[in-house]
């Protein structure tokens, strides 16, 4: 017996705005459109889903949805061009990462990062 995959679900107000962020901005592939929920494949495994019938529970610091990439600066420049108000990329010595944060359309904290080691 084993687990074959995972989906992390979050509430959202608009699947169309979520699609613009997760598919168009981040480049995630839409795995399944279930009408009131959309599920996106995350490269290297796992999925993230958004449902309009779930409450949006975005706080100031959590949850954090982190995506790994070698192209942190490219995503930062793209977020600036699209006026998404990202914070400036920085090195976090404690965790050995280079990263920045921005918010998705529902206020979920999204981190774009790469490991430095």
N, C-alpha and C. Protein backbone atom coordinates (compact mmCIF):
# COMPACT_ATOMS: atom_id res chain seq x y z
N UNK A 1 0.85 -1.17 0.00
CA UNK A 1 0.00 0.00 0.00
C UNK A 1 0.89 1.24 0.00
N UNK A 2 0.56 2.24 -0.87
CA UNK A 2 1.35 3.46 -0.95
C UNK A 2 0.49 4.62 -1.40
N UNK A 3 0.97 5.83 -1.12
CA UNK A 3 0.32 7.05 -1.60
C UNK A 3 0.82 7.30 -3.02
N UNK A 4 -0.10 7.64 -3.93
CA UNK A 4 0.27 7.86 -5.33
C UNK A 4 0.40 9.33 -5.71
N UNK A 5 0.02 10.24 -4.85
CA UNK A 5 0.12 11.66 -5.18
C UNK A 5 -0.48 12.51 -4.08
N UNK A 6 -0.51 13.80 -4.33
CA UNK A 6 -1.11 14.71 -3.35
C UNK A 6 -1.69 15.93 -4.05
N UNK A 7 -2.73 16.49 -3.45
CA UNK A 7 -3.33 17.74 -3.89
C UNK A 7 -3.52 18.59 -2.64
N UNK A 8 -3.05 19.81 -2.69
CA UNK A 8 -3.23 20.79 -1.62
C UNK A 8 -4.32 21.74 -2.09
N UNK A 9 -5.47 21.80 -1.38
CA UNK A 9 -6.59 22.64 -1.80
C UNK A 9 -6.66 23.92 -0.98
N UNK A 10 -6.96 25.01 -1.68
CA UNK A 10 -7.19 26.31 -1.06
C UNK A 10 -8.50 26.88 -1.59
N UNK A 11 -9.13 27.71 -0.79
CA UNK A 11 -10.33 28.41 -1.25
C UNK A 11 -9.96 29.58 -2.14
N UNK A 12 -10.89 29.97 -3.00
CA UNK A 12 -10.66 31.13 -3.86
C UNK A 12 -11.98 31.81 -4.16
N UNK A 13 -11.89 33.06 -4.59
CA UNK A 13 -13.08 33.84 -4.97
C UNK A 13 -13.37 33.74 -6.46
N UNK A 14 -12.32 33.62 -7.29
CA UNK A 14 -12.50 33.62 -8.74
C UNK A 14 -11.52 32.64 -9.39
N UNK A 15 -12.05 31.59 -9.98
CA UNK A 15 -11.20 30.63 -10.67
C UNK A 15 -10.50 31.26 -11.87
N UNK A 16 -11.12 32.25 -12.49
CA UNK A 16 -10.50 32.91 -13.64
C UNK A 16 -9.26 33.68 -13.21
N UNK A 17 -9.34 34.41 -12.10
CA UNK A 17 -8.16 35.16 -11.61
C UNK A 17 -7.08 34.19 -11.13
N UNK A 18 -7.50 33.11 -10.49
CA UNK A 18 -6.55 32.08 -10.06
C UNK A 18 -5.84 31.49 -11.28
N UNK A 19 -6.59 31.23 -12.35
CA UNK A 19 -6.01 30.68 -13.57
C UNK A 19 -4.98 31.63 -14.17
N UNK A 20 -5.28 32.92 -14.17
CA UNK A 20 -4.32 33.91 -14.69
C UNK A 20 -3.02 33.86 -13.89
N UNK A 21 -3.11 33.67 -12.58
CA UNK A 21 -1.92 33.66 -11.75
C UNK A 21 -1.16 32.34 -11.86
N UNK A 22 -1.83 31.22 -11.61
CA UNK A 22 -1.14 29.93 -11.52
C UNK A 22 -0.80 29.32 -12.88
N UNK A 23 -1.66 29.50 -13.87
CA UNK A 23 -1.36 28.97 -15.21
C UNK A 23 -0.57 29.98 -16.03
N UNK A 24 -1.10 31.20 -16.17
CA UNK A 24 -0.49 32.17 -17.06
C UNK A 24 0.80 32.76 -16.49
N UNK A 25 0.82 33.14 -15.21
CA UNK A 25 2.02 33.73 -14.62
C UNK A 25 3.05 32.67 -14.25
N UNK A 26 2.65 31.66 -13.46
CA UNK A 26 3.61 30.66 -13.00
C UNK A 26 3.87 29.55 -14.02
N UNK A 27 2.94 29.33 -14.94
CA UNK A 27 3.14 28.32 -15.97
C UNK A 27 2.74 26.91 -15.56
N UNK A 28 1.91 26.79 -14.50
CA UNK A 28 1.45 25.46 -14.11
C UNK A 28 0.42 24.95 -15.10
N UNK A 29 0.44 23.65 -15.33
CA UNK A 29 -0.50 23.04 -16.26
C UNK A 29 -1.81 22.71 -15.55
N UNK A 30 -2.93 23.07 -16.18
CA UNK A 30 -4.24 22.71 -15.63
C UNK A 30 -4.41 21.21 -15.78
N UNK A 31 -4.56 20.51 -14.66
CA UNK A 31 -4.74 19.06 -14.66
C UNK A 31 -6.21 18.69 -14.83
N UNK A 32 -7.07 19.38 -14.10
CA UNK A 32 -8.50 19.05 -14.17
C UNK A 32 -9.33 20.27 -13.79
N UNK A 33 -10.35 20.53 -14.60
CA UNK A 33 -11.34 21.56 -14.30
C UNK A 33 -12.60 20.84 -13.86
N UNK A 34 -12.98 21.00 -12.60
CA UNK A 34 -14.15 20.33 -12.04
C UNK A 34 -15.34 21.27 -11.90
N UNK A 35 -15.32 22.35 -12.62
CA UNK A 35 -16.42 23.31 -12.52
C UNK A 35 -16.15 24.36 -11.46
N UNK A 36 -16.38 24.01 -10.19
CA UNK A 36 -16.13 24.97 -9.11
C UNK A 36 -14.74 24.80 -8.50
N UNK A 37 -13.96 23.85 -9.02
CA UNK A 37 -12.57 23.63 -8.58
C UNK A 37 -11.69 23.44 -9.80
N UNK A 38 -10.46 23.91 -9.69
CA UNK A 38 -9.46 23.65 -10.72
C UNK A 38 -8.21 23.13 -10.02
N UNK A 39 -7.61 22.11 -10.64
CA UNK A 39 -6.42 21.47 -10.08
C UNK A 39 -5.28 21.64 -11.08
N UNK A 40 -4.14 22.10 -10.56
CA UNK A 40 -2.96 22.35 -11.38
C UNK A 40 -1.84 21.39 -10.99
N UNK A 41 -1.15 20.86 -12.00
CA UNK A 41 0.01 19.99 -11.77
C UNK A 41 1.21 20.85 -11.41
N UNK A 42 1.94 20.40 -10.41
CA UNK A 42 3.19 21.06 -10.03
C UNK A 42 4.33 20.19 -10.54
N UNK A 43 5.24 20.77 -11.34
CA UNK A 43 6.35 19.97 -11.85
C UNK A 43 7.08 19.25 -10.72
N UNK A 44 7.56 18.07 -10.99
CA UNK A 44 8.26 17.19 -10.03
C UNK A 44 7.33 16.58 -8.99
N UNK A 45 6.03 16.70 -9.18
CA UNK A 45 5.10 15.99 -8.32
C UNK A 45 4.17 16.88 -7.52
N UNK A 46 3.04 16.32 -7.18
CA UNK A 46 2.04 17.03 -6.41
C UNK A 46 1.17 17.92 -7.27
N UNK A 47 0.09 18.37 -6.65
CA UNK A 47 -0.85 19.26 -7.33
C UNK A 47 -1.36 20.27 -6.33
N UNK A 48 -1.86 21.38 -6.87
CA UNK A 48 -2.50 22.39 -6.05
C UNK A 48 -3.86 22.68 -6.66
N UNK A 49 -4.88 22.72 -5.82
CA UNK A 49 -6.23 22.93 -6.29
C UNK A 49 -6.86 24.14 -5.62
N UNK A 50 -7.80 24.75 -6.32
CA UNK A 50 -8.52 25.91 -5.82
C UNK A 50 -10.01 25.69 -6.03
N UNK A 51 -10.79 25.96 -5.00
CA UNK A 51 -12.24 25.75 -5.07
C UNK A 51 -12.98 27.00 -4.62
N UNK A 52 -13.99 27.38 -5.40
CA UNK A 52 -14.78 28.56 -5.06
C UNK A 52 -15.70 28.29 -3.88
N UNK A 53 -16.00 27.03 -3.57
CA UNK A 53 -16.90 26.74 -2.45
C UNK A 53 -16.18 26.63 -1.11
N UNK A 54 -14.84 26.69 -1.12
CA UNK A 54 -14.08 26.67 0.13
C UNK A 54 -13.81 28.10 0.58
N UNK A 55 -13.78 28.34 1.88
CA UNK A 55 -13.47 29.70 2.35
C UNK A 55 -12.02 30.06 2.08
N UNK A 56 -11.78 31.32 1.81
CA UNK A 56 -10.42 31.81 1.64
C UNK A 56 -9.87 32.10 3.03
N UNK A 57 -8.79 31.44 3.40
CA UNK A 57 -8.20 31.56 4.73
C UNK A 57 -6.79 32.14 4.63
N UNK A 58 -6.62 33.15 3.83
CA UNK A 58 -5.29 33.75 3.64
C UNK A 58 -5.01 34.70 4.79
N UNK A 59 -3.95 34.41 5.54
CA UNK A 59 -3.52 35.28 6.61
C UNK A 59 -2.31 36.08 6.19
N UNK A 60 -1.81 36.89 7.10
CA UNK A 60 -0.65 37.72 6.77
C UNK A 60 0.57 36.87 6.45
N UNK A 61 0.77 35.77 7.18
CA UNK A 61 1.98 34.97 6.99
C UNK A 61 1.72 33.52 6.60
N UNK A 62 0.49 33.07 6.58
CA UNK A 62 0.24 31.68 6.20
C UNK A 62 -1.13 31.57 5.55
N UNK A 63 -1.36 30.59 4.72
CA UNK A 63 -0.35 29.60 4.35
C UNK A 63 0.67 30.21 3.40
N UNK A 64 1.79 29.53 3.25
CA UNK A 64 2.79 29.91 2.25
C UNK A 64 2.84 28.78 1.22
N UNK A 65 2.64 29.13 -0.04
CA UNK A 65 2.77 28.17 -1.13
C UNK A 65 4.10 28.49 -1.80
N UNK A 66 5.04 27.56 -1.75
CA UNK A 66 6.38 27.78 -2.28
C UNK A 66 6.60 27.00 -3.56
N UNK A 67 7.13 27.68 -4.57
CA UNK A 67 7.48 27.04 -5.83
C UNK A 67 8.99 27.17 -6.02
N UNK A 68 9.62 26.08 -6.42
CA UNK A 68 11.06 26.04 -6.61
C UNK A 68 11.42 26.25 -8.08
N UNK A 69 12.43 27.09 -8.31
CA UNK A 69 12.89 27.38 -9.67
C UNK A 69 14.30 27.94 -9.62
N UNK A 70 15.03 27.74 -10.68
CA UNK A 70 16.34 28.38 -10.83
C UNK A 70 16.18 29.80 -11.38
N UNK A 71 14.97 30.19 -11.73
CA UNK A 71 14.72 31.47 -12.42
C UNK A 71 14.01 32.47 -11.52
N UNK A 72 14.46 32.59 -10.28
CA UNK A 72 13.83 33.50 -9.32
C UNK A 72 13.79 34.93 -9.86
N UNK A 73 14.91 35.41 -10.38
CA UNK A 73 14.96 36.79 -10.87
C UNK A 73 14.04 37.00 -12.08
N UNK A 74 13.93 36.01 -12.94
CA UNK A 74 13.03 36.12 -14.09
C UNK A 74 11.57 36.24 -13.64
N UNK A 75 11.17 35.42 -12.67
CA UNK A 75 9.80 35.51 -12.15
C UNK A 75 9.58 36.85 -11.45
N UNK A 76 10.60 37.34 -10.75
CA UNK A 76 10.49 38.64 -10.09
C UNK A 76 10.25 39.75 -11.13
N UNK A 77 11.05 39.75 -12.19
CA UNK A 77 10.89 40.78 -13.23
C UNK A 77 9.51 40.68 -13.89
N UNK A 78 9.04 39.47 -14.13
CA UNK A 78 7.71 39.29 -14.72
C UNK A 78 6.64 39.81 -13.77
N UNK A 79 6.77 39.52 -12.46
CA UNK A 79 5.80 40.00 -11.47
C UNK A 79 5.80 41.53 -11.42
N UNK A 80 6.98 42.15 -11.53
CA UNK A 80 7.06 43.62 -11.56
C UNK A 80 6.34 44.17 -12.79
N UNK A 81 6.60 43.57 -13.96
CA UNK A 81 5.95 44.03 -15.20
C UNK A 81 4.44 43.95 -15.10
N UNK A 82 3.94 42.91 -14.39
CA UNK A 82 2.50 42.71 -14.25
C UNK A 82 1.92 43.44 -13.04
N UNK A 83 2.76 44.26 -12.39
CA UNK A 83 2.35 45.08 -11.25
C UNK A 83 1.74 44.25 -10.12
N UNK A 84 2.42 43.13 -9.79
CA UNK A 84 1.96 42.24 -8.73
C UNK A 84 2.53 42.59 -7.35
N UNK A 85 3.34 43.62 -7.27
CA UNK A 85 3.92 44.10 -6.01
C UNK A 85 4.71 43.03 -5.24
N UNK A 86 5.65 42.36 -5.92
CA UNK A 86 6.46 41.39 -5.19
C UNK A 86 7.47 42.13 -4.30
N UNK A 87 7.91 41.45 -3.23
CA UNK A 87 9.02 42.05 -2.50
C UNK A 87 10.31 41.69 -3.24
N UNK A 88 11.37 42.42 -2.97
CA UNK A 88 12.63 42.23 -3.69
C UNK A 88 13.28 40.90 -3.31
N UNK A 89 13.82 40.15 -4.28
CA UNK A 89 14.50 38.89 -3.96
C UNK A 89 15.67 39.12 -3.01
N UNK A 90 15.89 38.14 -2.15
CA UNK A 90 17.00 38.24 -1.19
C UNK A 90 17.49 36.85 -0.82
N UNK A 91 18.68 36.83 -0.24
CA UNK A 91 19.26 35.59 0.26
C UNK A 91 18.85 35.45 1.72
N UNK A 92 18.37 34.27 2.07
CA UNK A 92 18.08 33.94 3.47
C UNK A 92 19.17 32.97 3.90
N UNK A 93 20.15 33.49 4.63
CA UNK A 93 21.30 32.69 5.05
C UNK A 93 20.89 31.53 5.96
N UNK A 94 19.92 31.77 6.82
CA UNK A 94 19.48 30.75 7.77
C UNK A 94 19.04 29.47 7.07
N UNK A 95 18.26 29.63 5.99
CA UNK A 95 17.72 28.46 5.29
C UNK A 95 18.48 28.14 4.00
N UNK A 96 19.46 28.96 3.64
CA UNK A 96 20.24 28.70 2.44
C UNK A 96 19.43 28.80 1.16
N UNK A 97 18.61 29.86 1.07
CA UNK A 97 17.75 30.04 -0.10
C UNK A 97 17.86 31.46 -0.65
N UNK A 98 17.47 31.61 -1.91
CA UNK A 98 17.30 32.89 -2.57
C UNK A 98 15.84 32.93 -2.96
N UNK A 99 15.10 34.00 -2.59
CA UNK A 99 13.65 33.96 -2.76
C UNK A 99 13.02 35.34 -2.75
N UNK A 100 11.73 35.37 -3.10
CA UNK A 100 10.89 36.54 -2.90
C UNK A 100 9.46 36.07 -2.68
N UNK A 101 8.65 36.98 -2.15
CA UNK A 101 7.24 36.69 -1.89
C UNK A 101 6.36 37.64 -2.70
N UNK A 102 5.18 37.16 -3.03
CA UNK A 102 4.11 37.96 -3.59
C UNK A 102 2.80 37.31 -3.18
N UNK A 103 1.69 37.94 -3.51
CA UNK A 103 0.38 37.39 -3.14
C UNK A 103 -0.38 37.01 -4.39
N UNK A 104 -1.15 35.91 -4.27
CA UNK A 104 -2.01 35.52 -5.39
C UNK A 104 -3.28 36.37 -5.32
N UNK A 105 -4.23 36.21 -6.26
CA UNK A 105 -5.42 37.06 -6.27
C UNK A 105 -6.27 36.99 -5.00
N UNK A 106 -6.15 35.93 -4.21
CA UNK A 106 -6.92 35.82 -2.98
C UNK A 106 -6.12 36.14 -1.74
N UNK A 107 -4.91 36.62 -1.91
CA UNK A 107 -4.09 37.01 -0.78
C UNK A 107 -3.23 35.92 -0.18
N UNK A 108 -3.22 34.72 -0.81
CA UNK A 108 -2.33 33.67 -0.33
C UNK A 108 -0.89 34.08 -0.59
N UNK A 109 -0.04 33.83 0.37
CA UNK A 109 1.37 34.20 0.27
C UNK A 109 2.09 33.15 -0.59
N UNK A 110 2.68 33.60 -1.70
CA UNK A 110 3.38 32.72 -2.63
C UNK A 110 4.86 33.09 -2.59
N UNK A 111 5.68 32.06 -2.44
CA UNK A 111 7.13 32.24 -2.40
C UNK A 111 7.74 31.60 -3.64
N UNK A 112 8.62 32.33 -4.29
CA UNK A 112 9.39 31.80 -5.41
C UNK A 112 10.82 31.68 -4.90
N UNK A 113 11.38 30.47 -4.92
CA UNK A 113 12.70 30.30 -4.30
C UNK A 113 13.55 29.27 -5.01
N UNK A 114 14.85 29.36 -4.71
CA UNK A 114 15.77 28.32 -5.10
C UNK A 114 16.69 28.05 -3.91
N UNK A 115 17.10 26.80 -3.79
CA UNK A 115 18.07 26.40 -2.76
C UNK A 115 19.46 26.78 -3.23
N UNK A 116 20.28 27.30 -2.34
CA UNK A 116 21.62 27.72 -2.71
C UNK A 116 22.67 26.63 -2.54
N UNK A 117 22.32 25.54 -1.87
CA UNK A 117 23.31 24.47 -1.68
C UNK A 117 23.11 23.32 -2.64
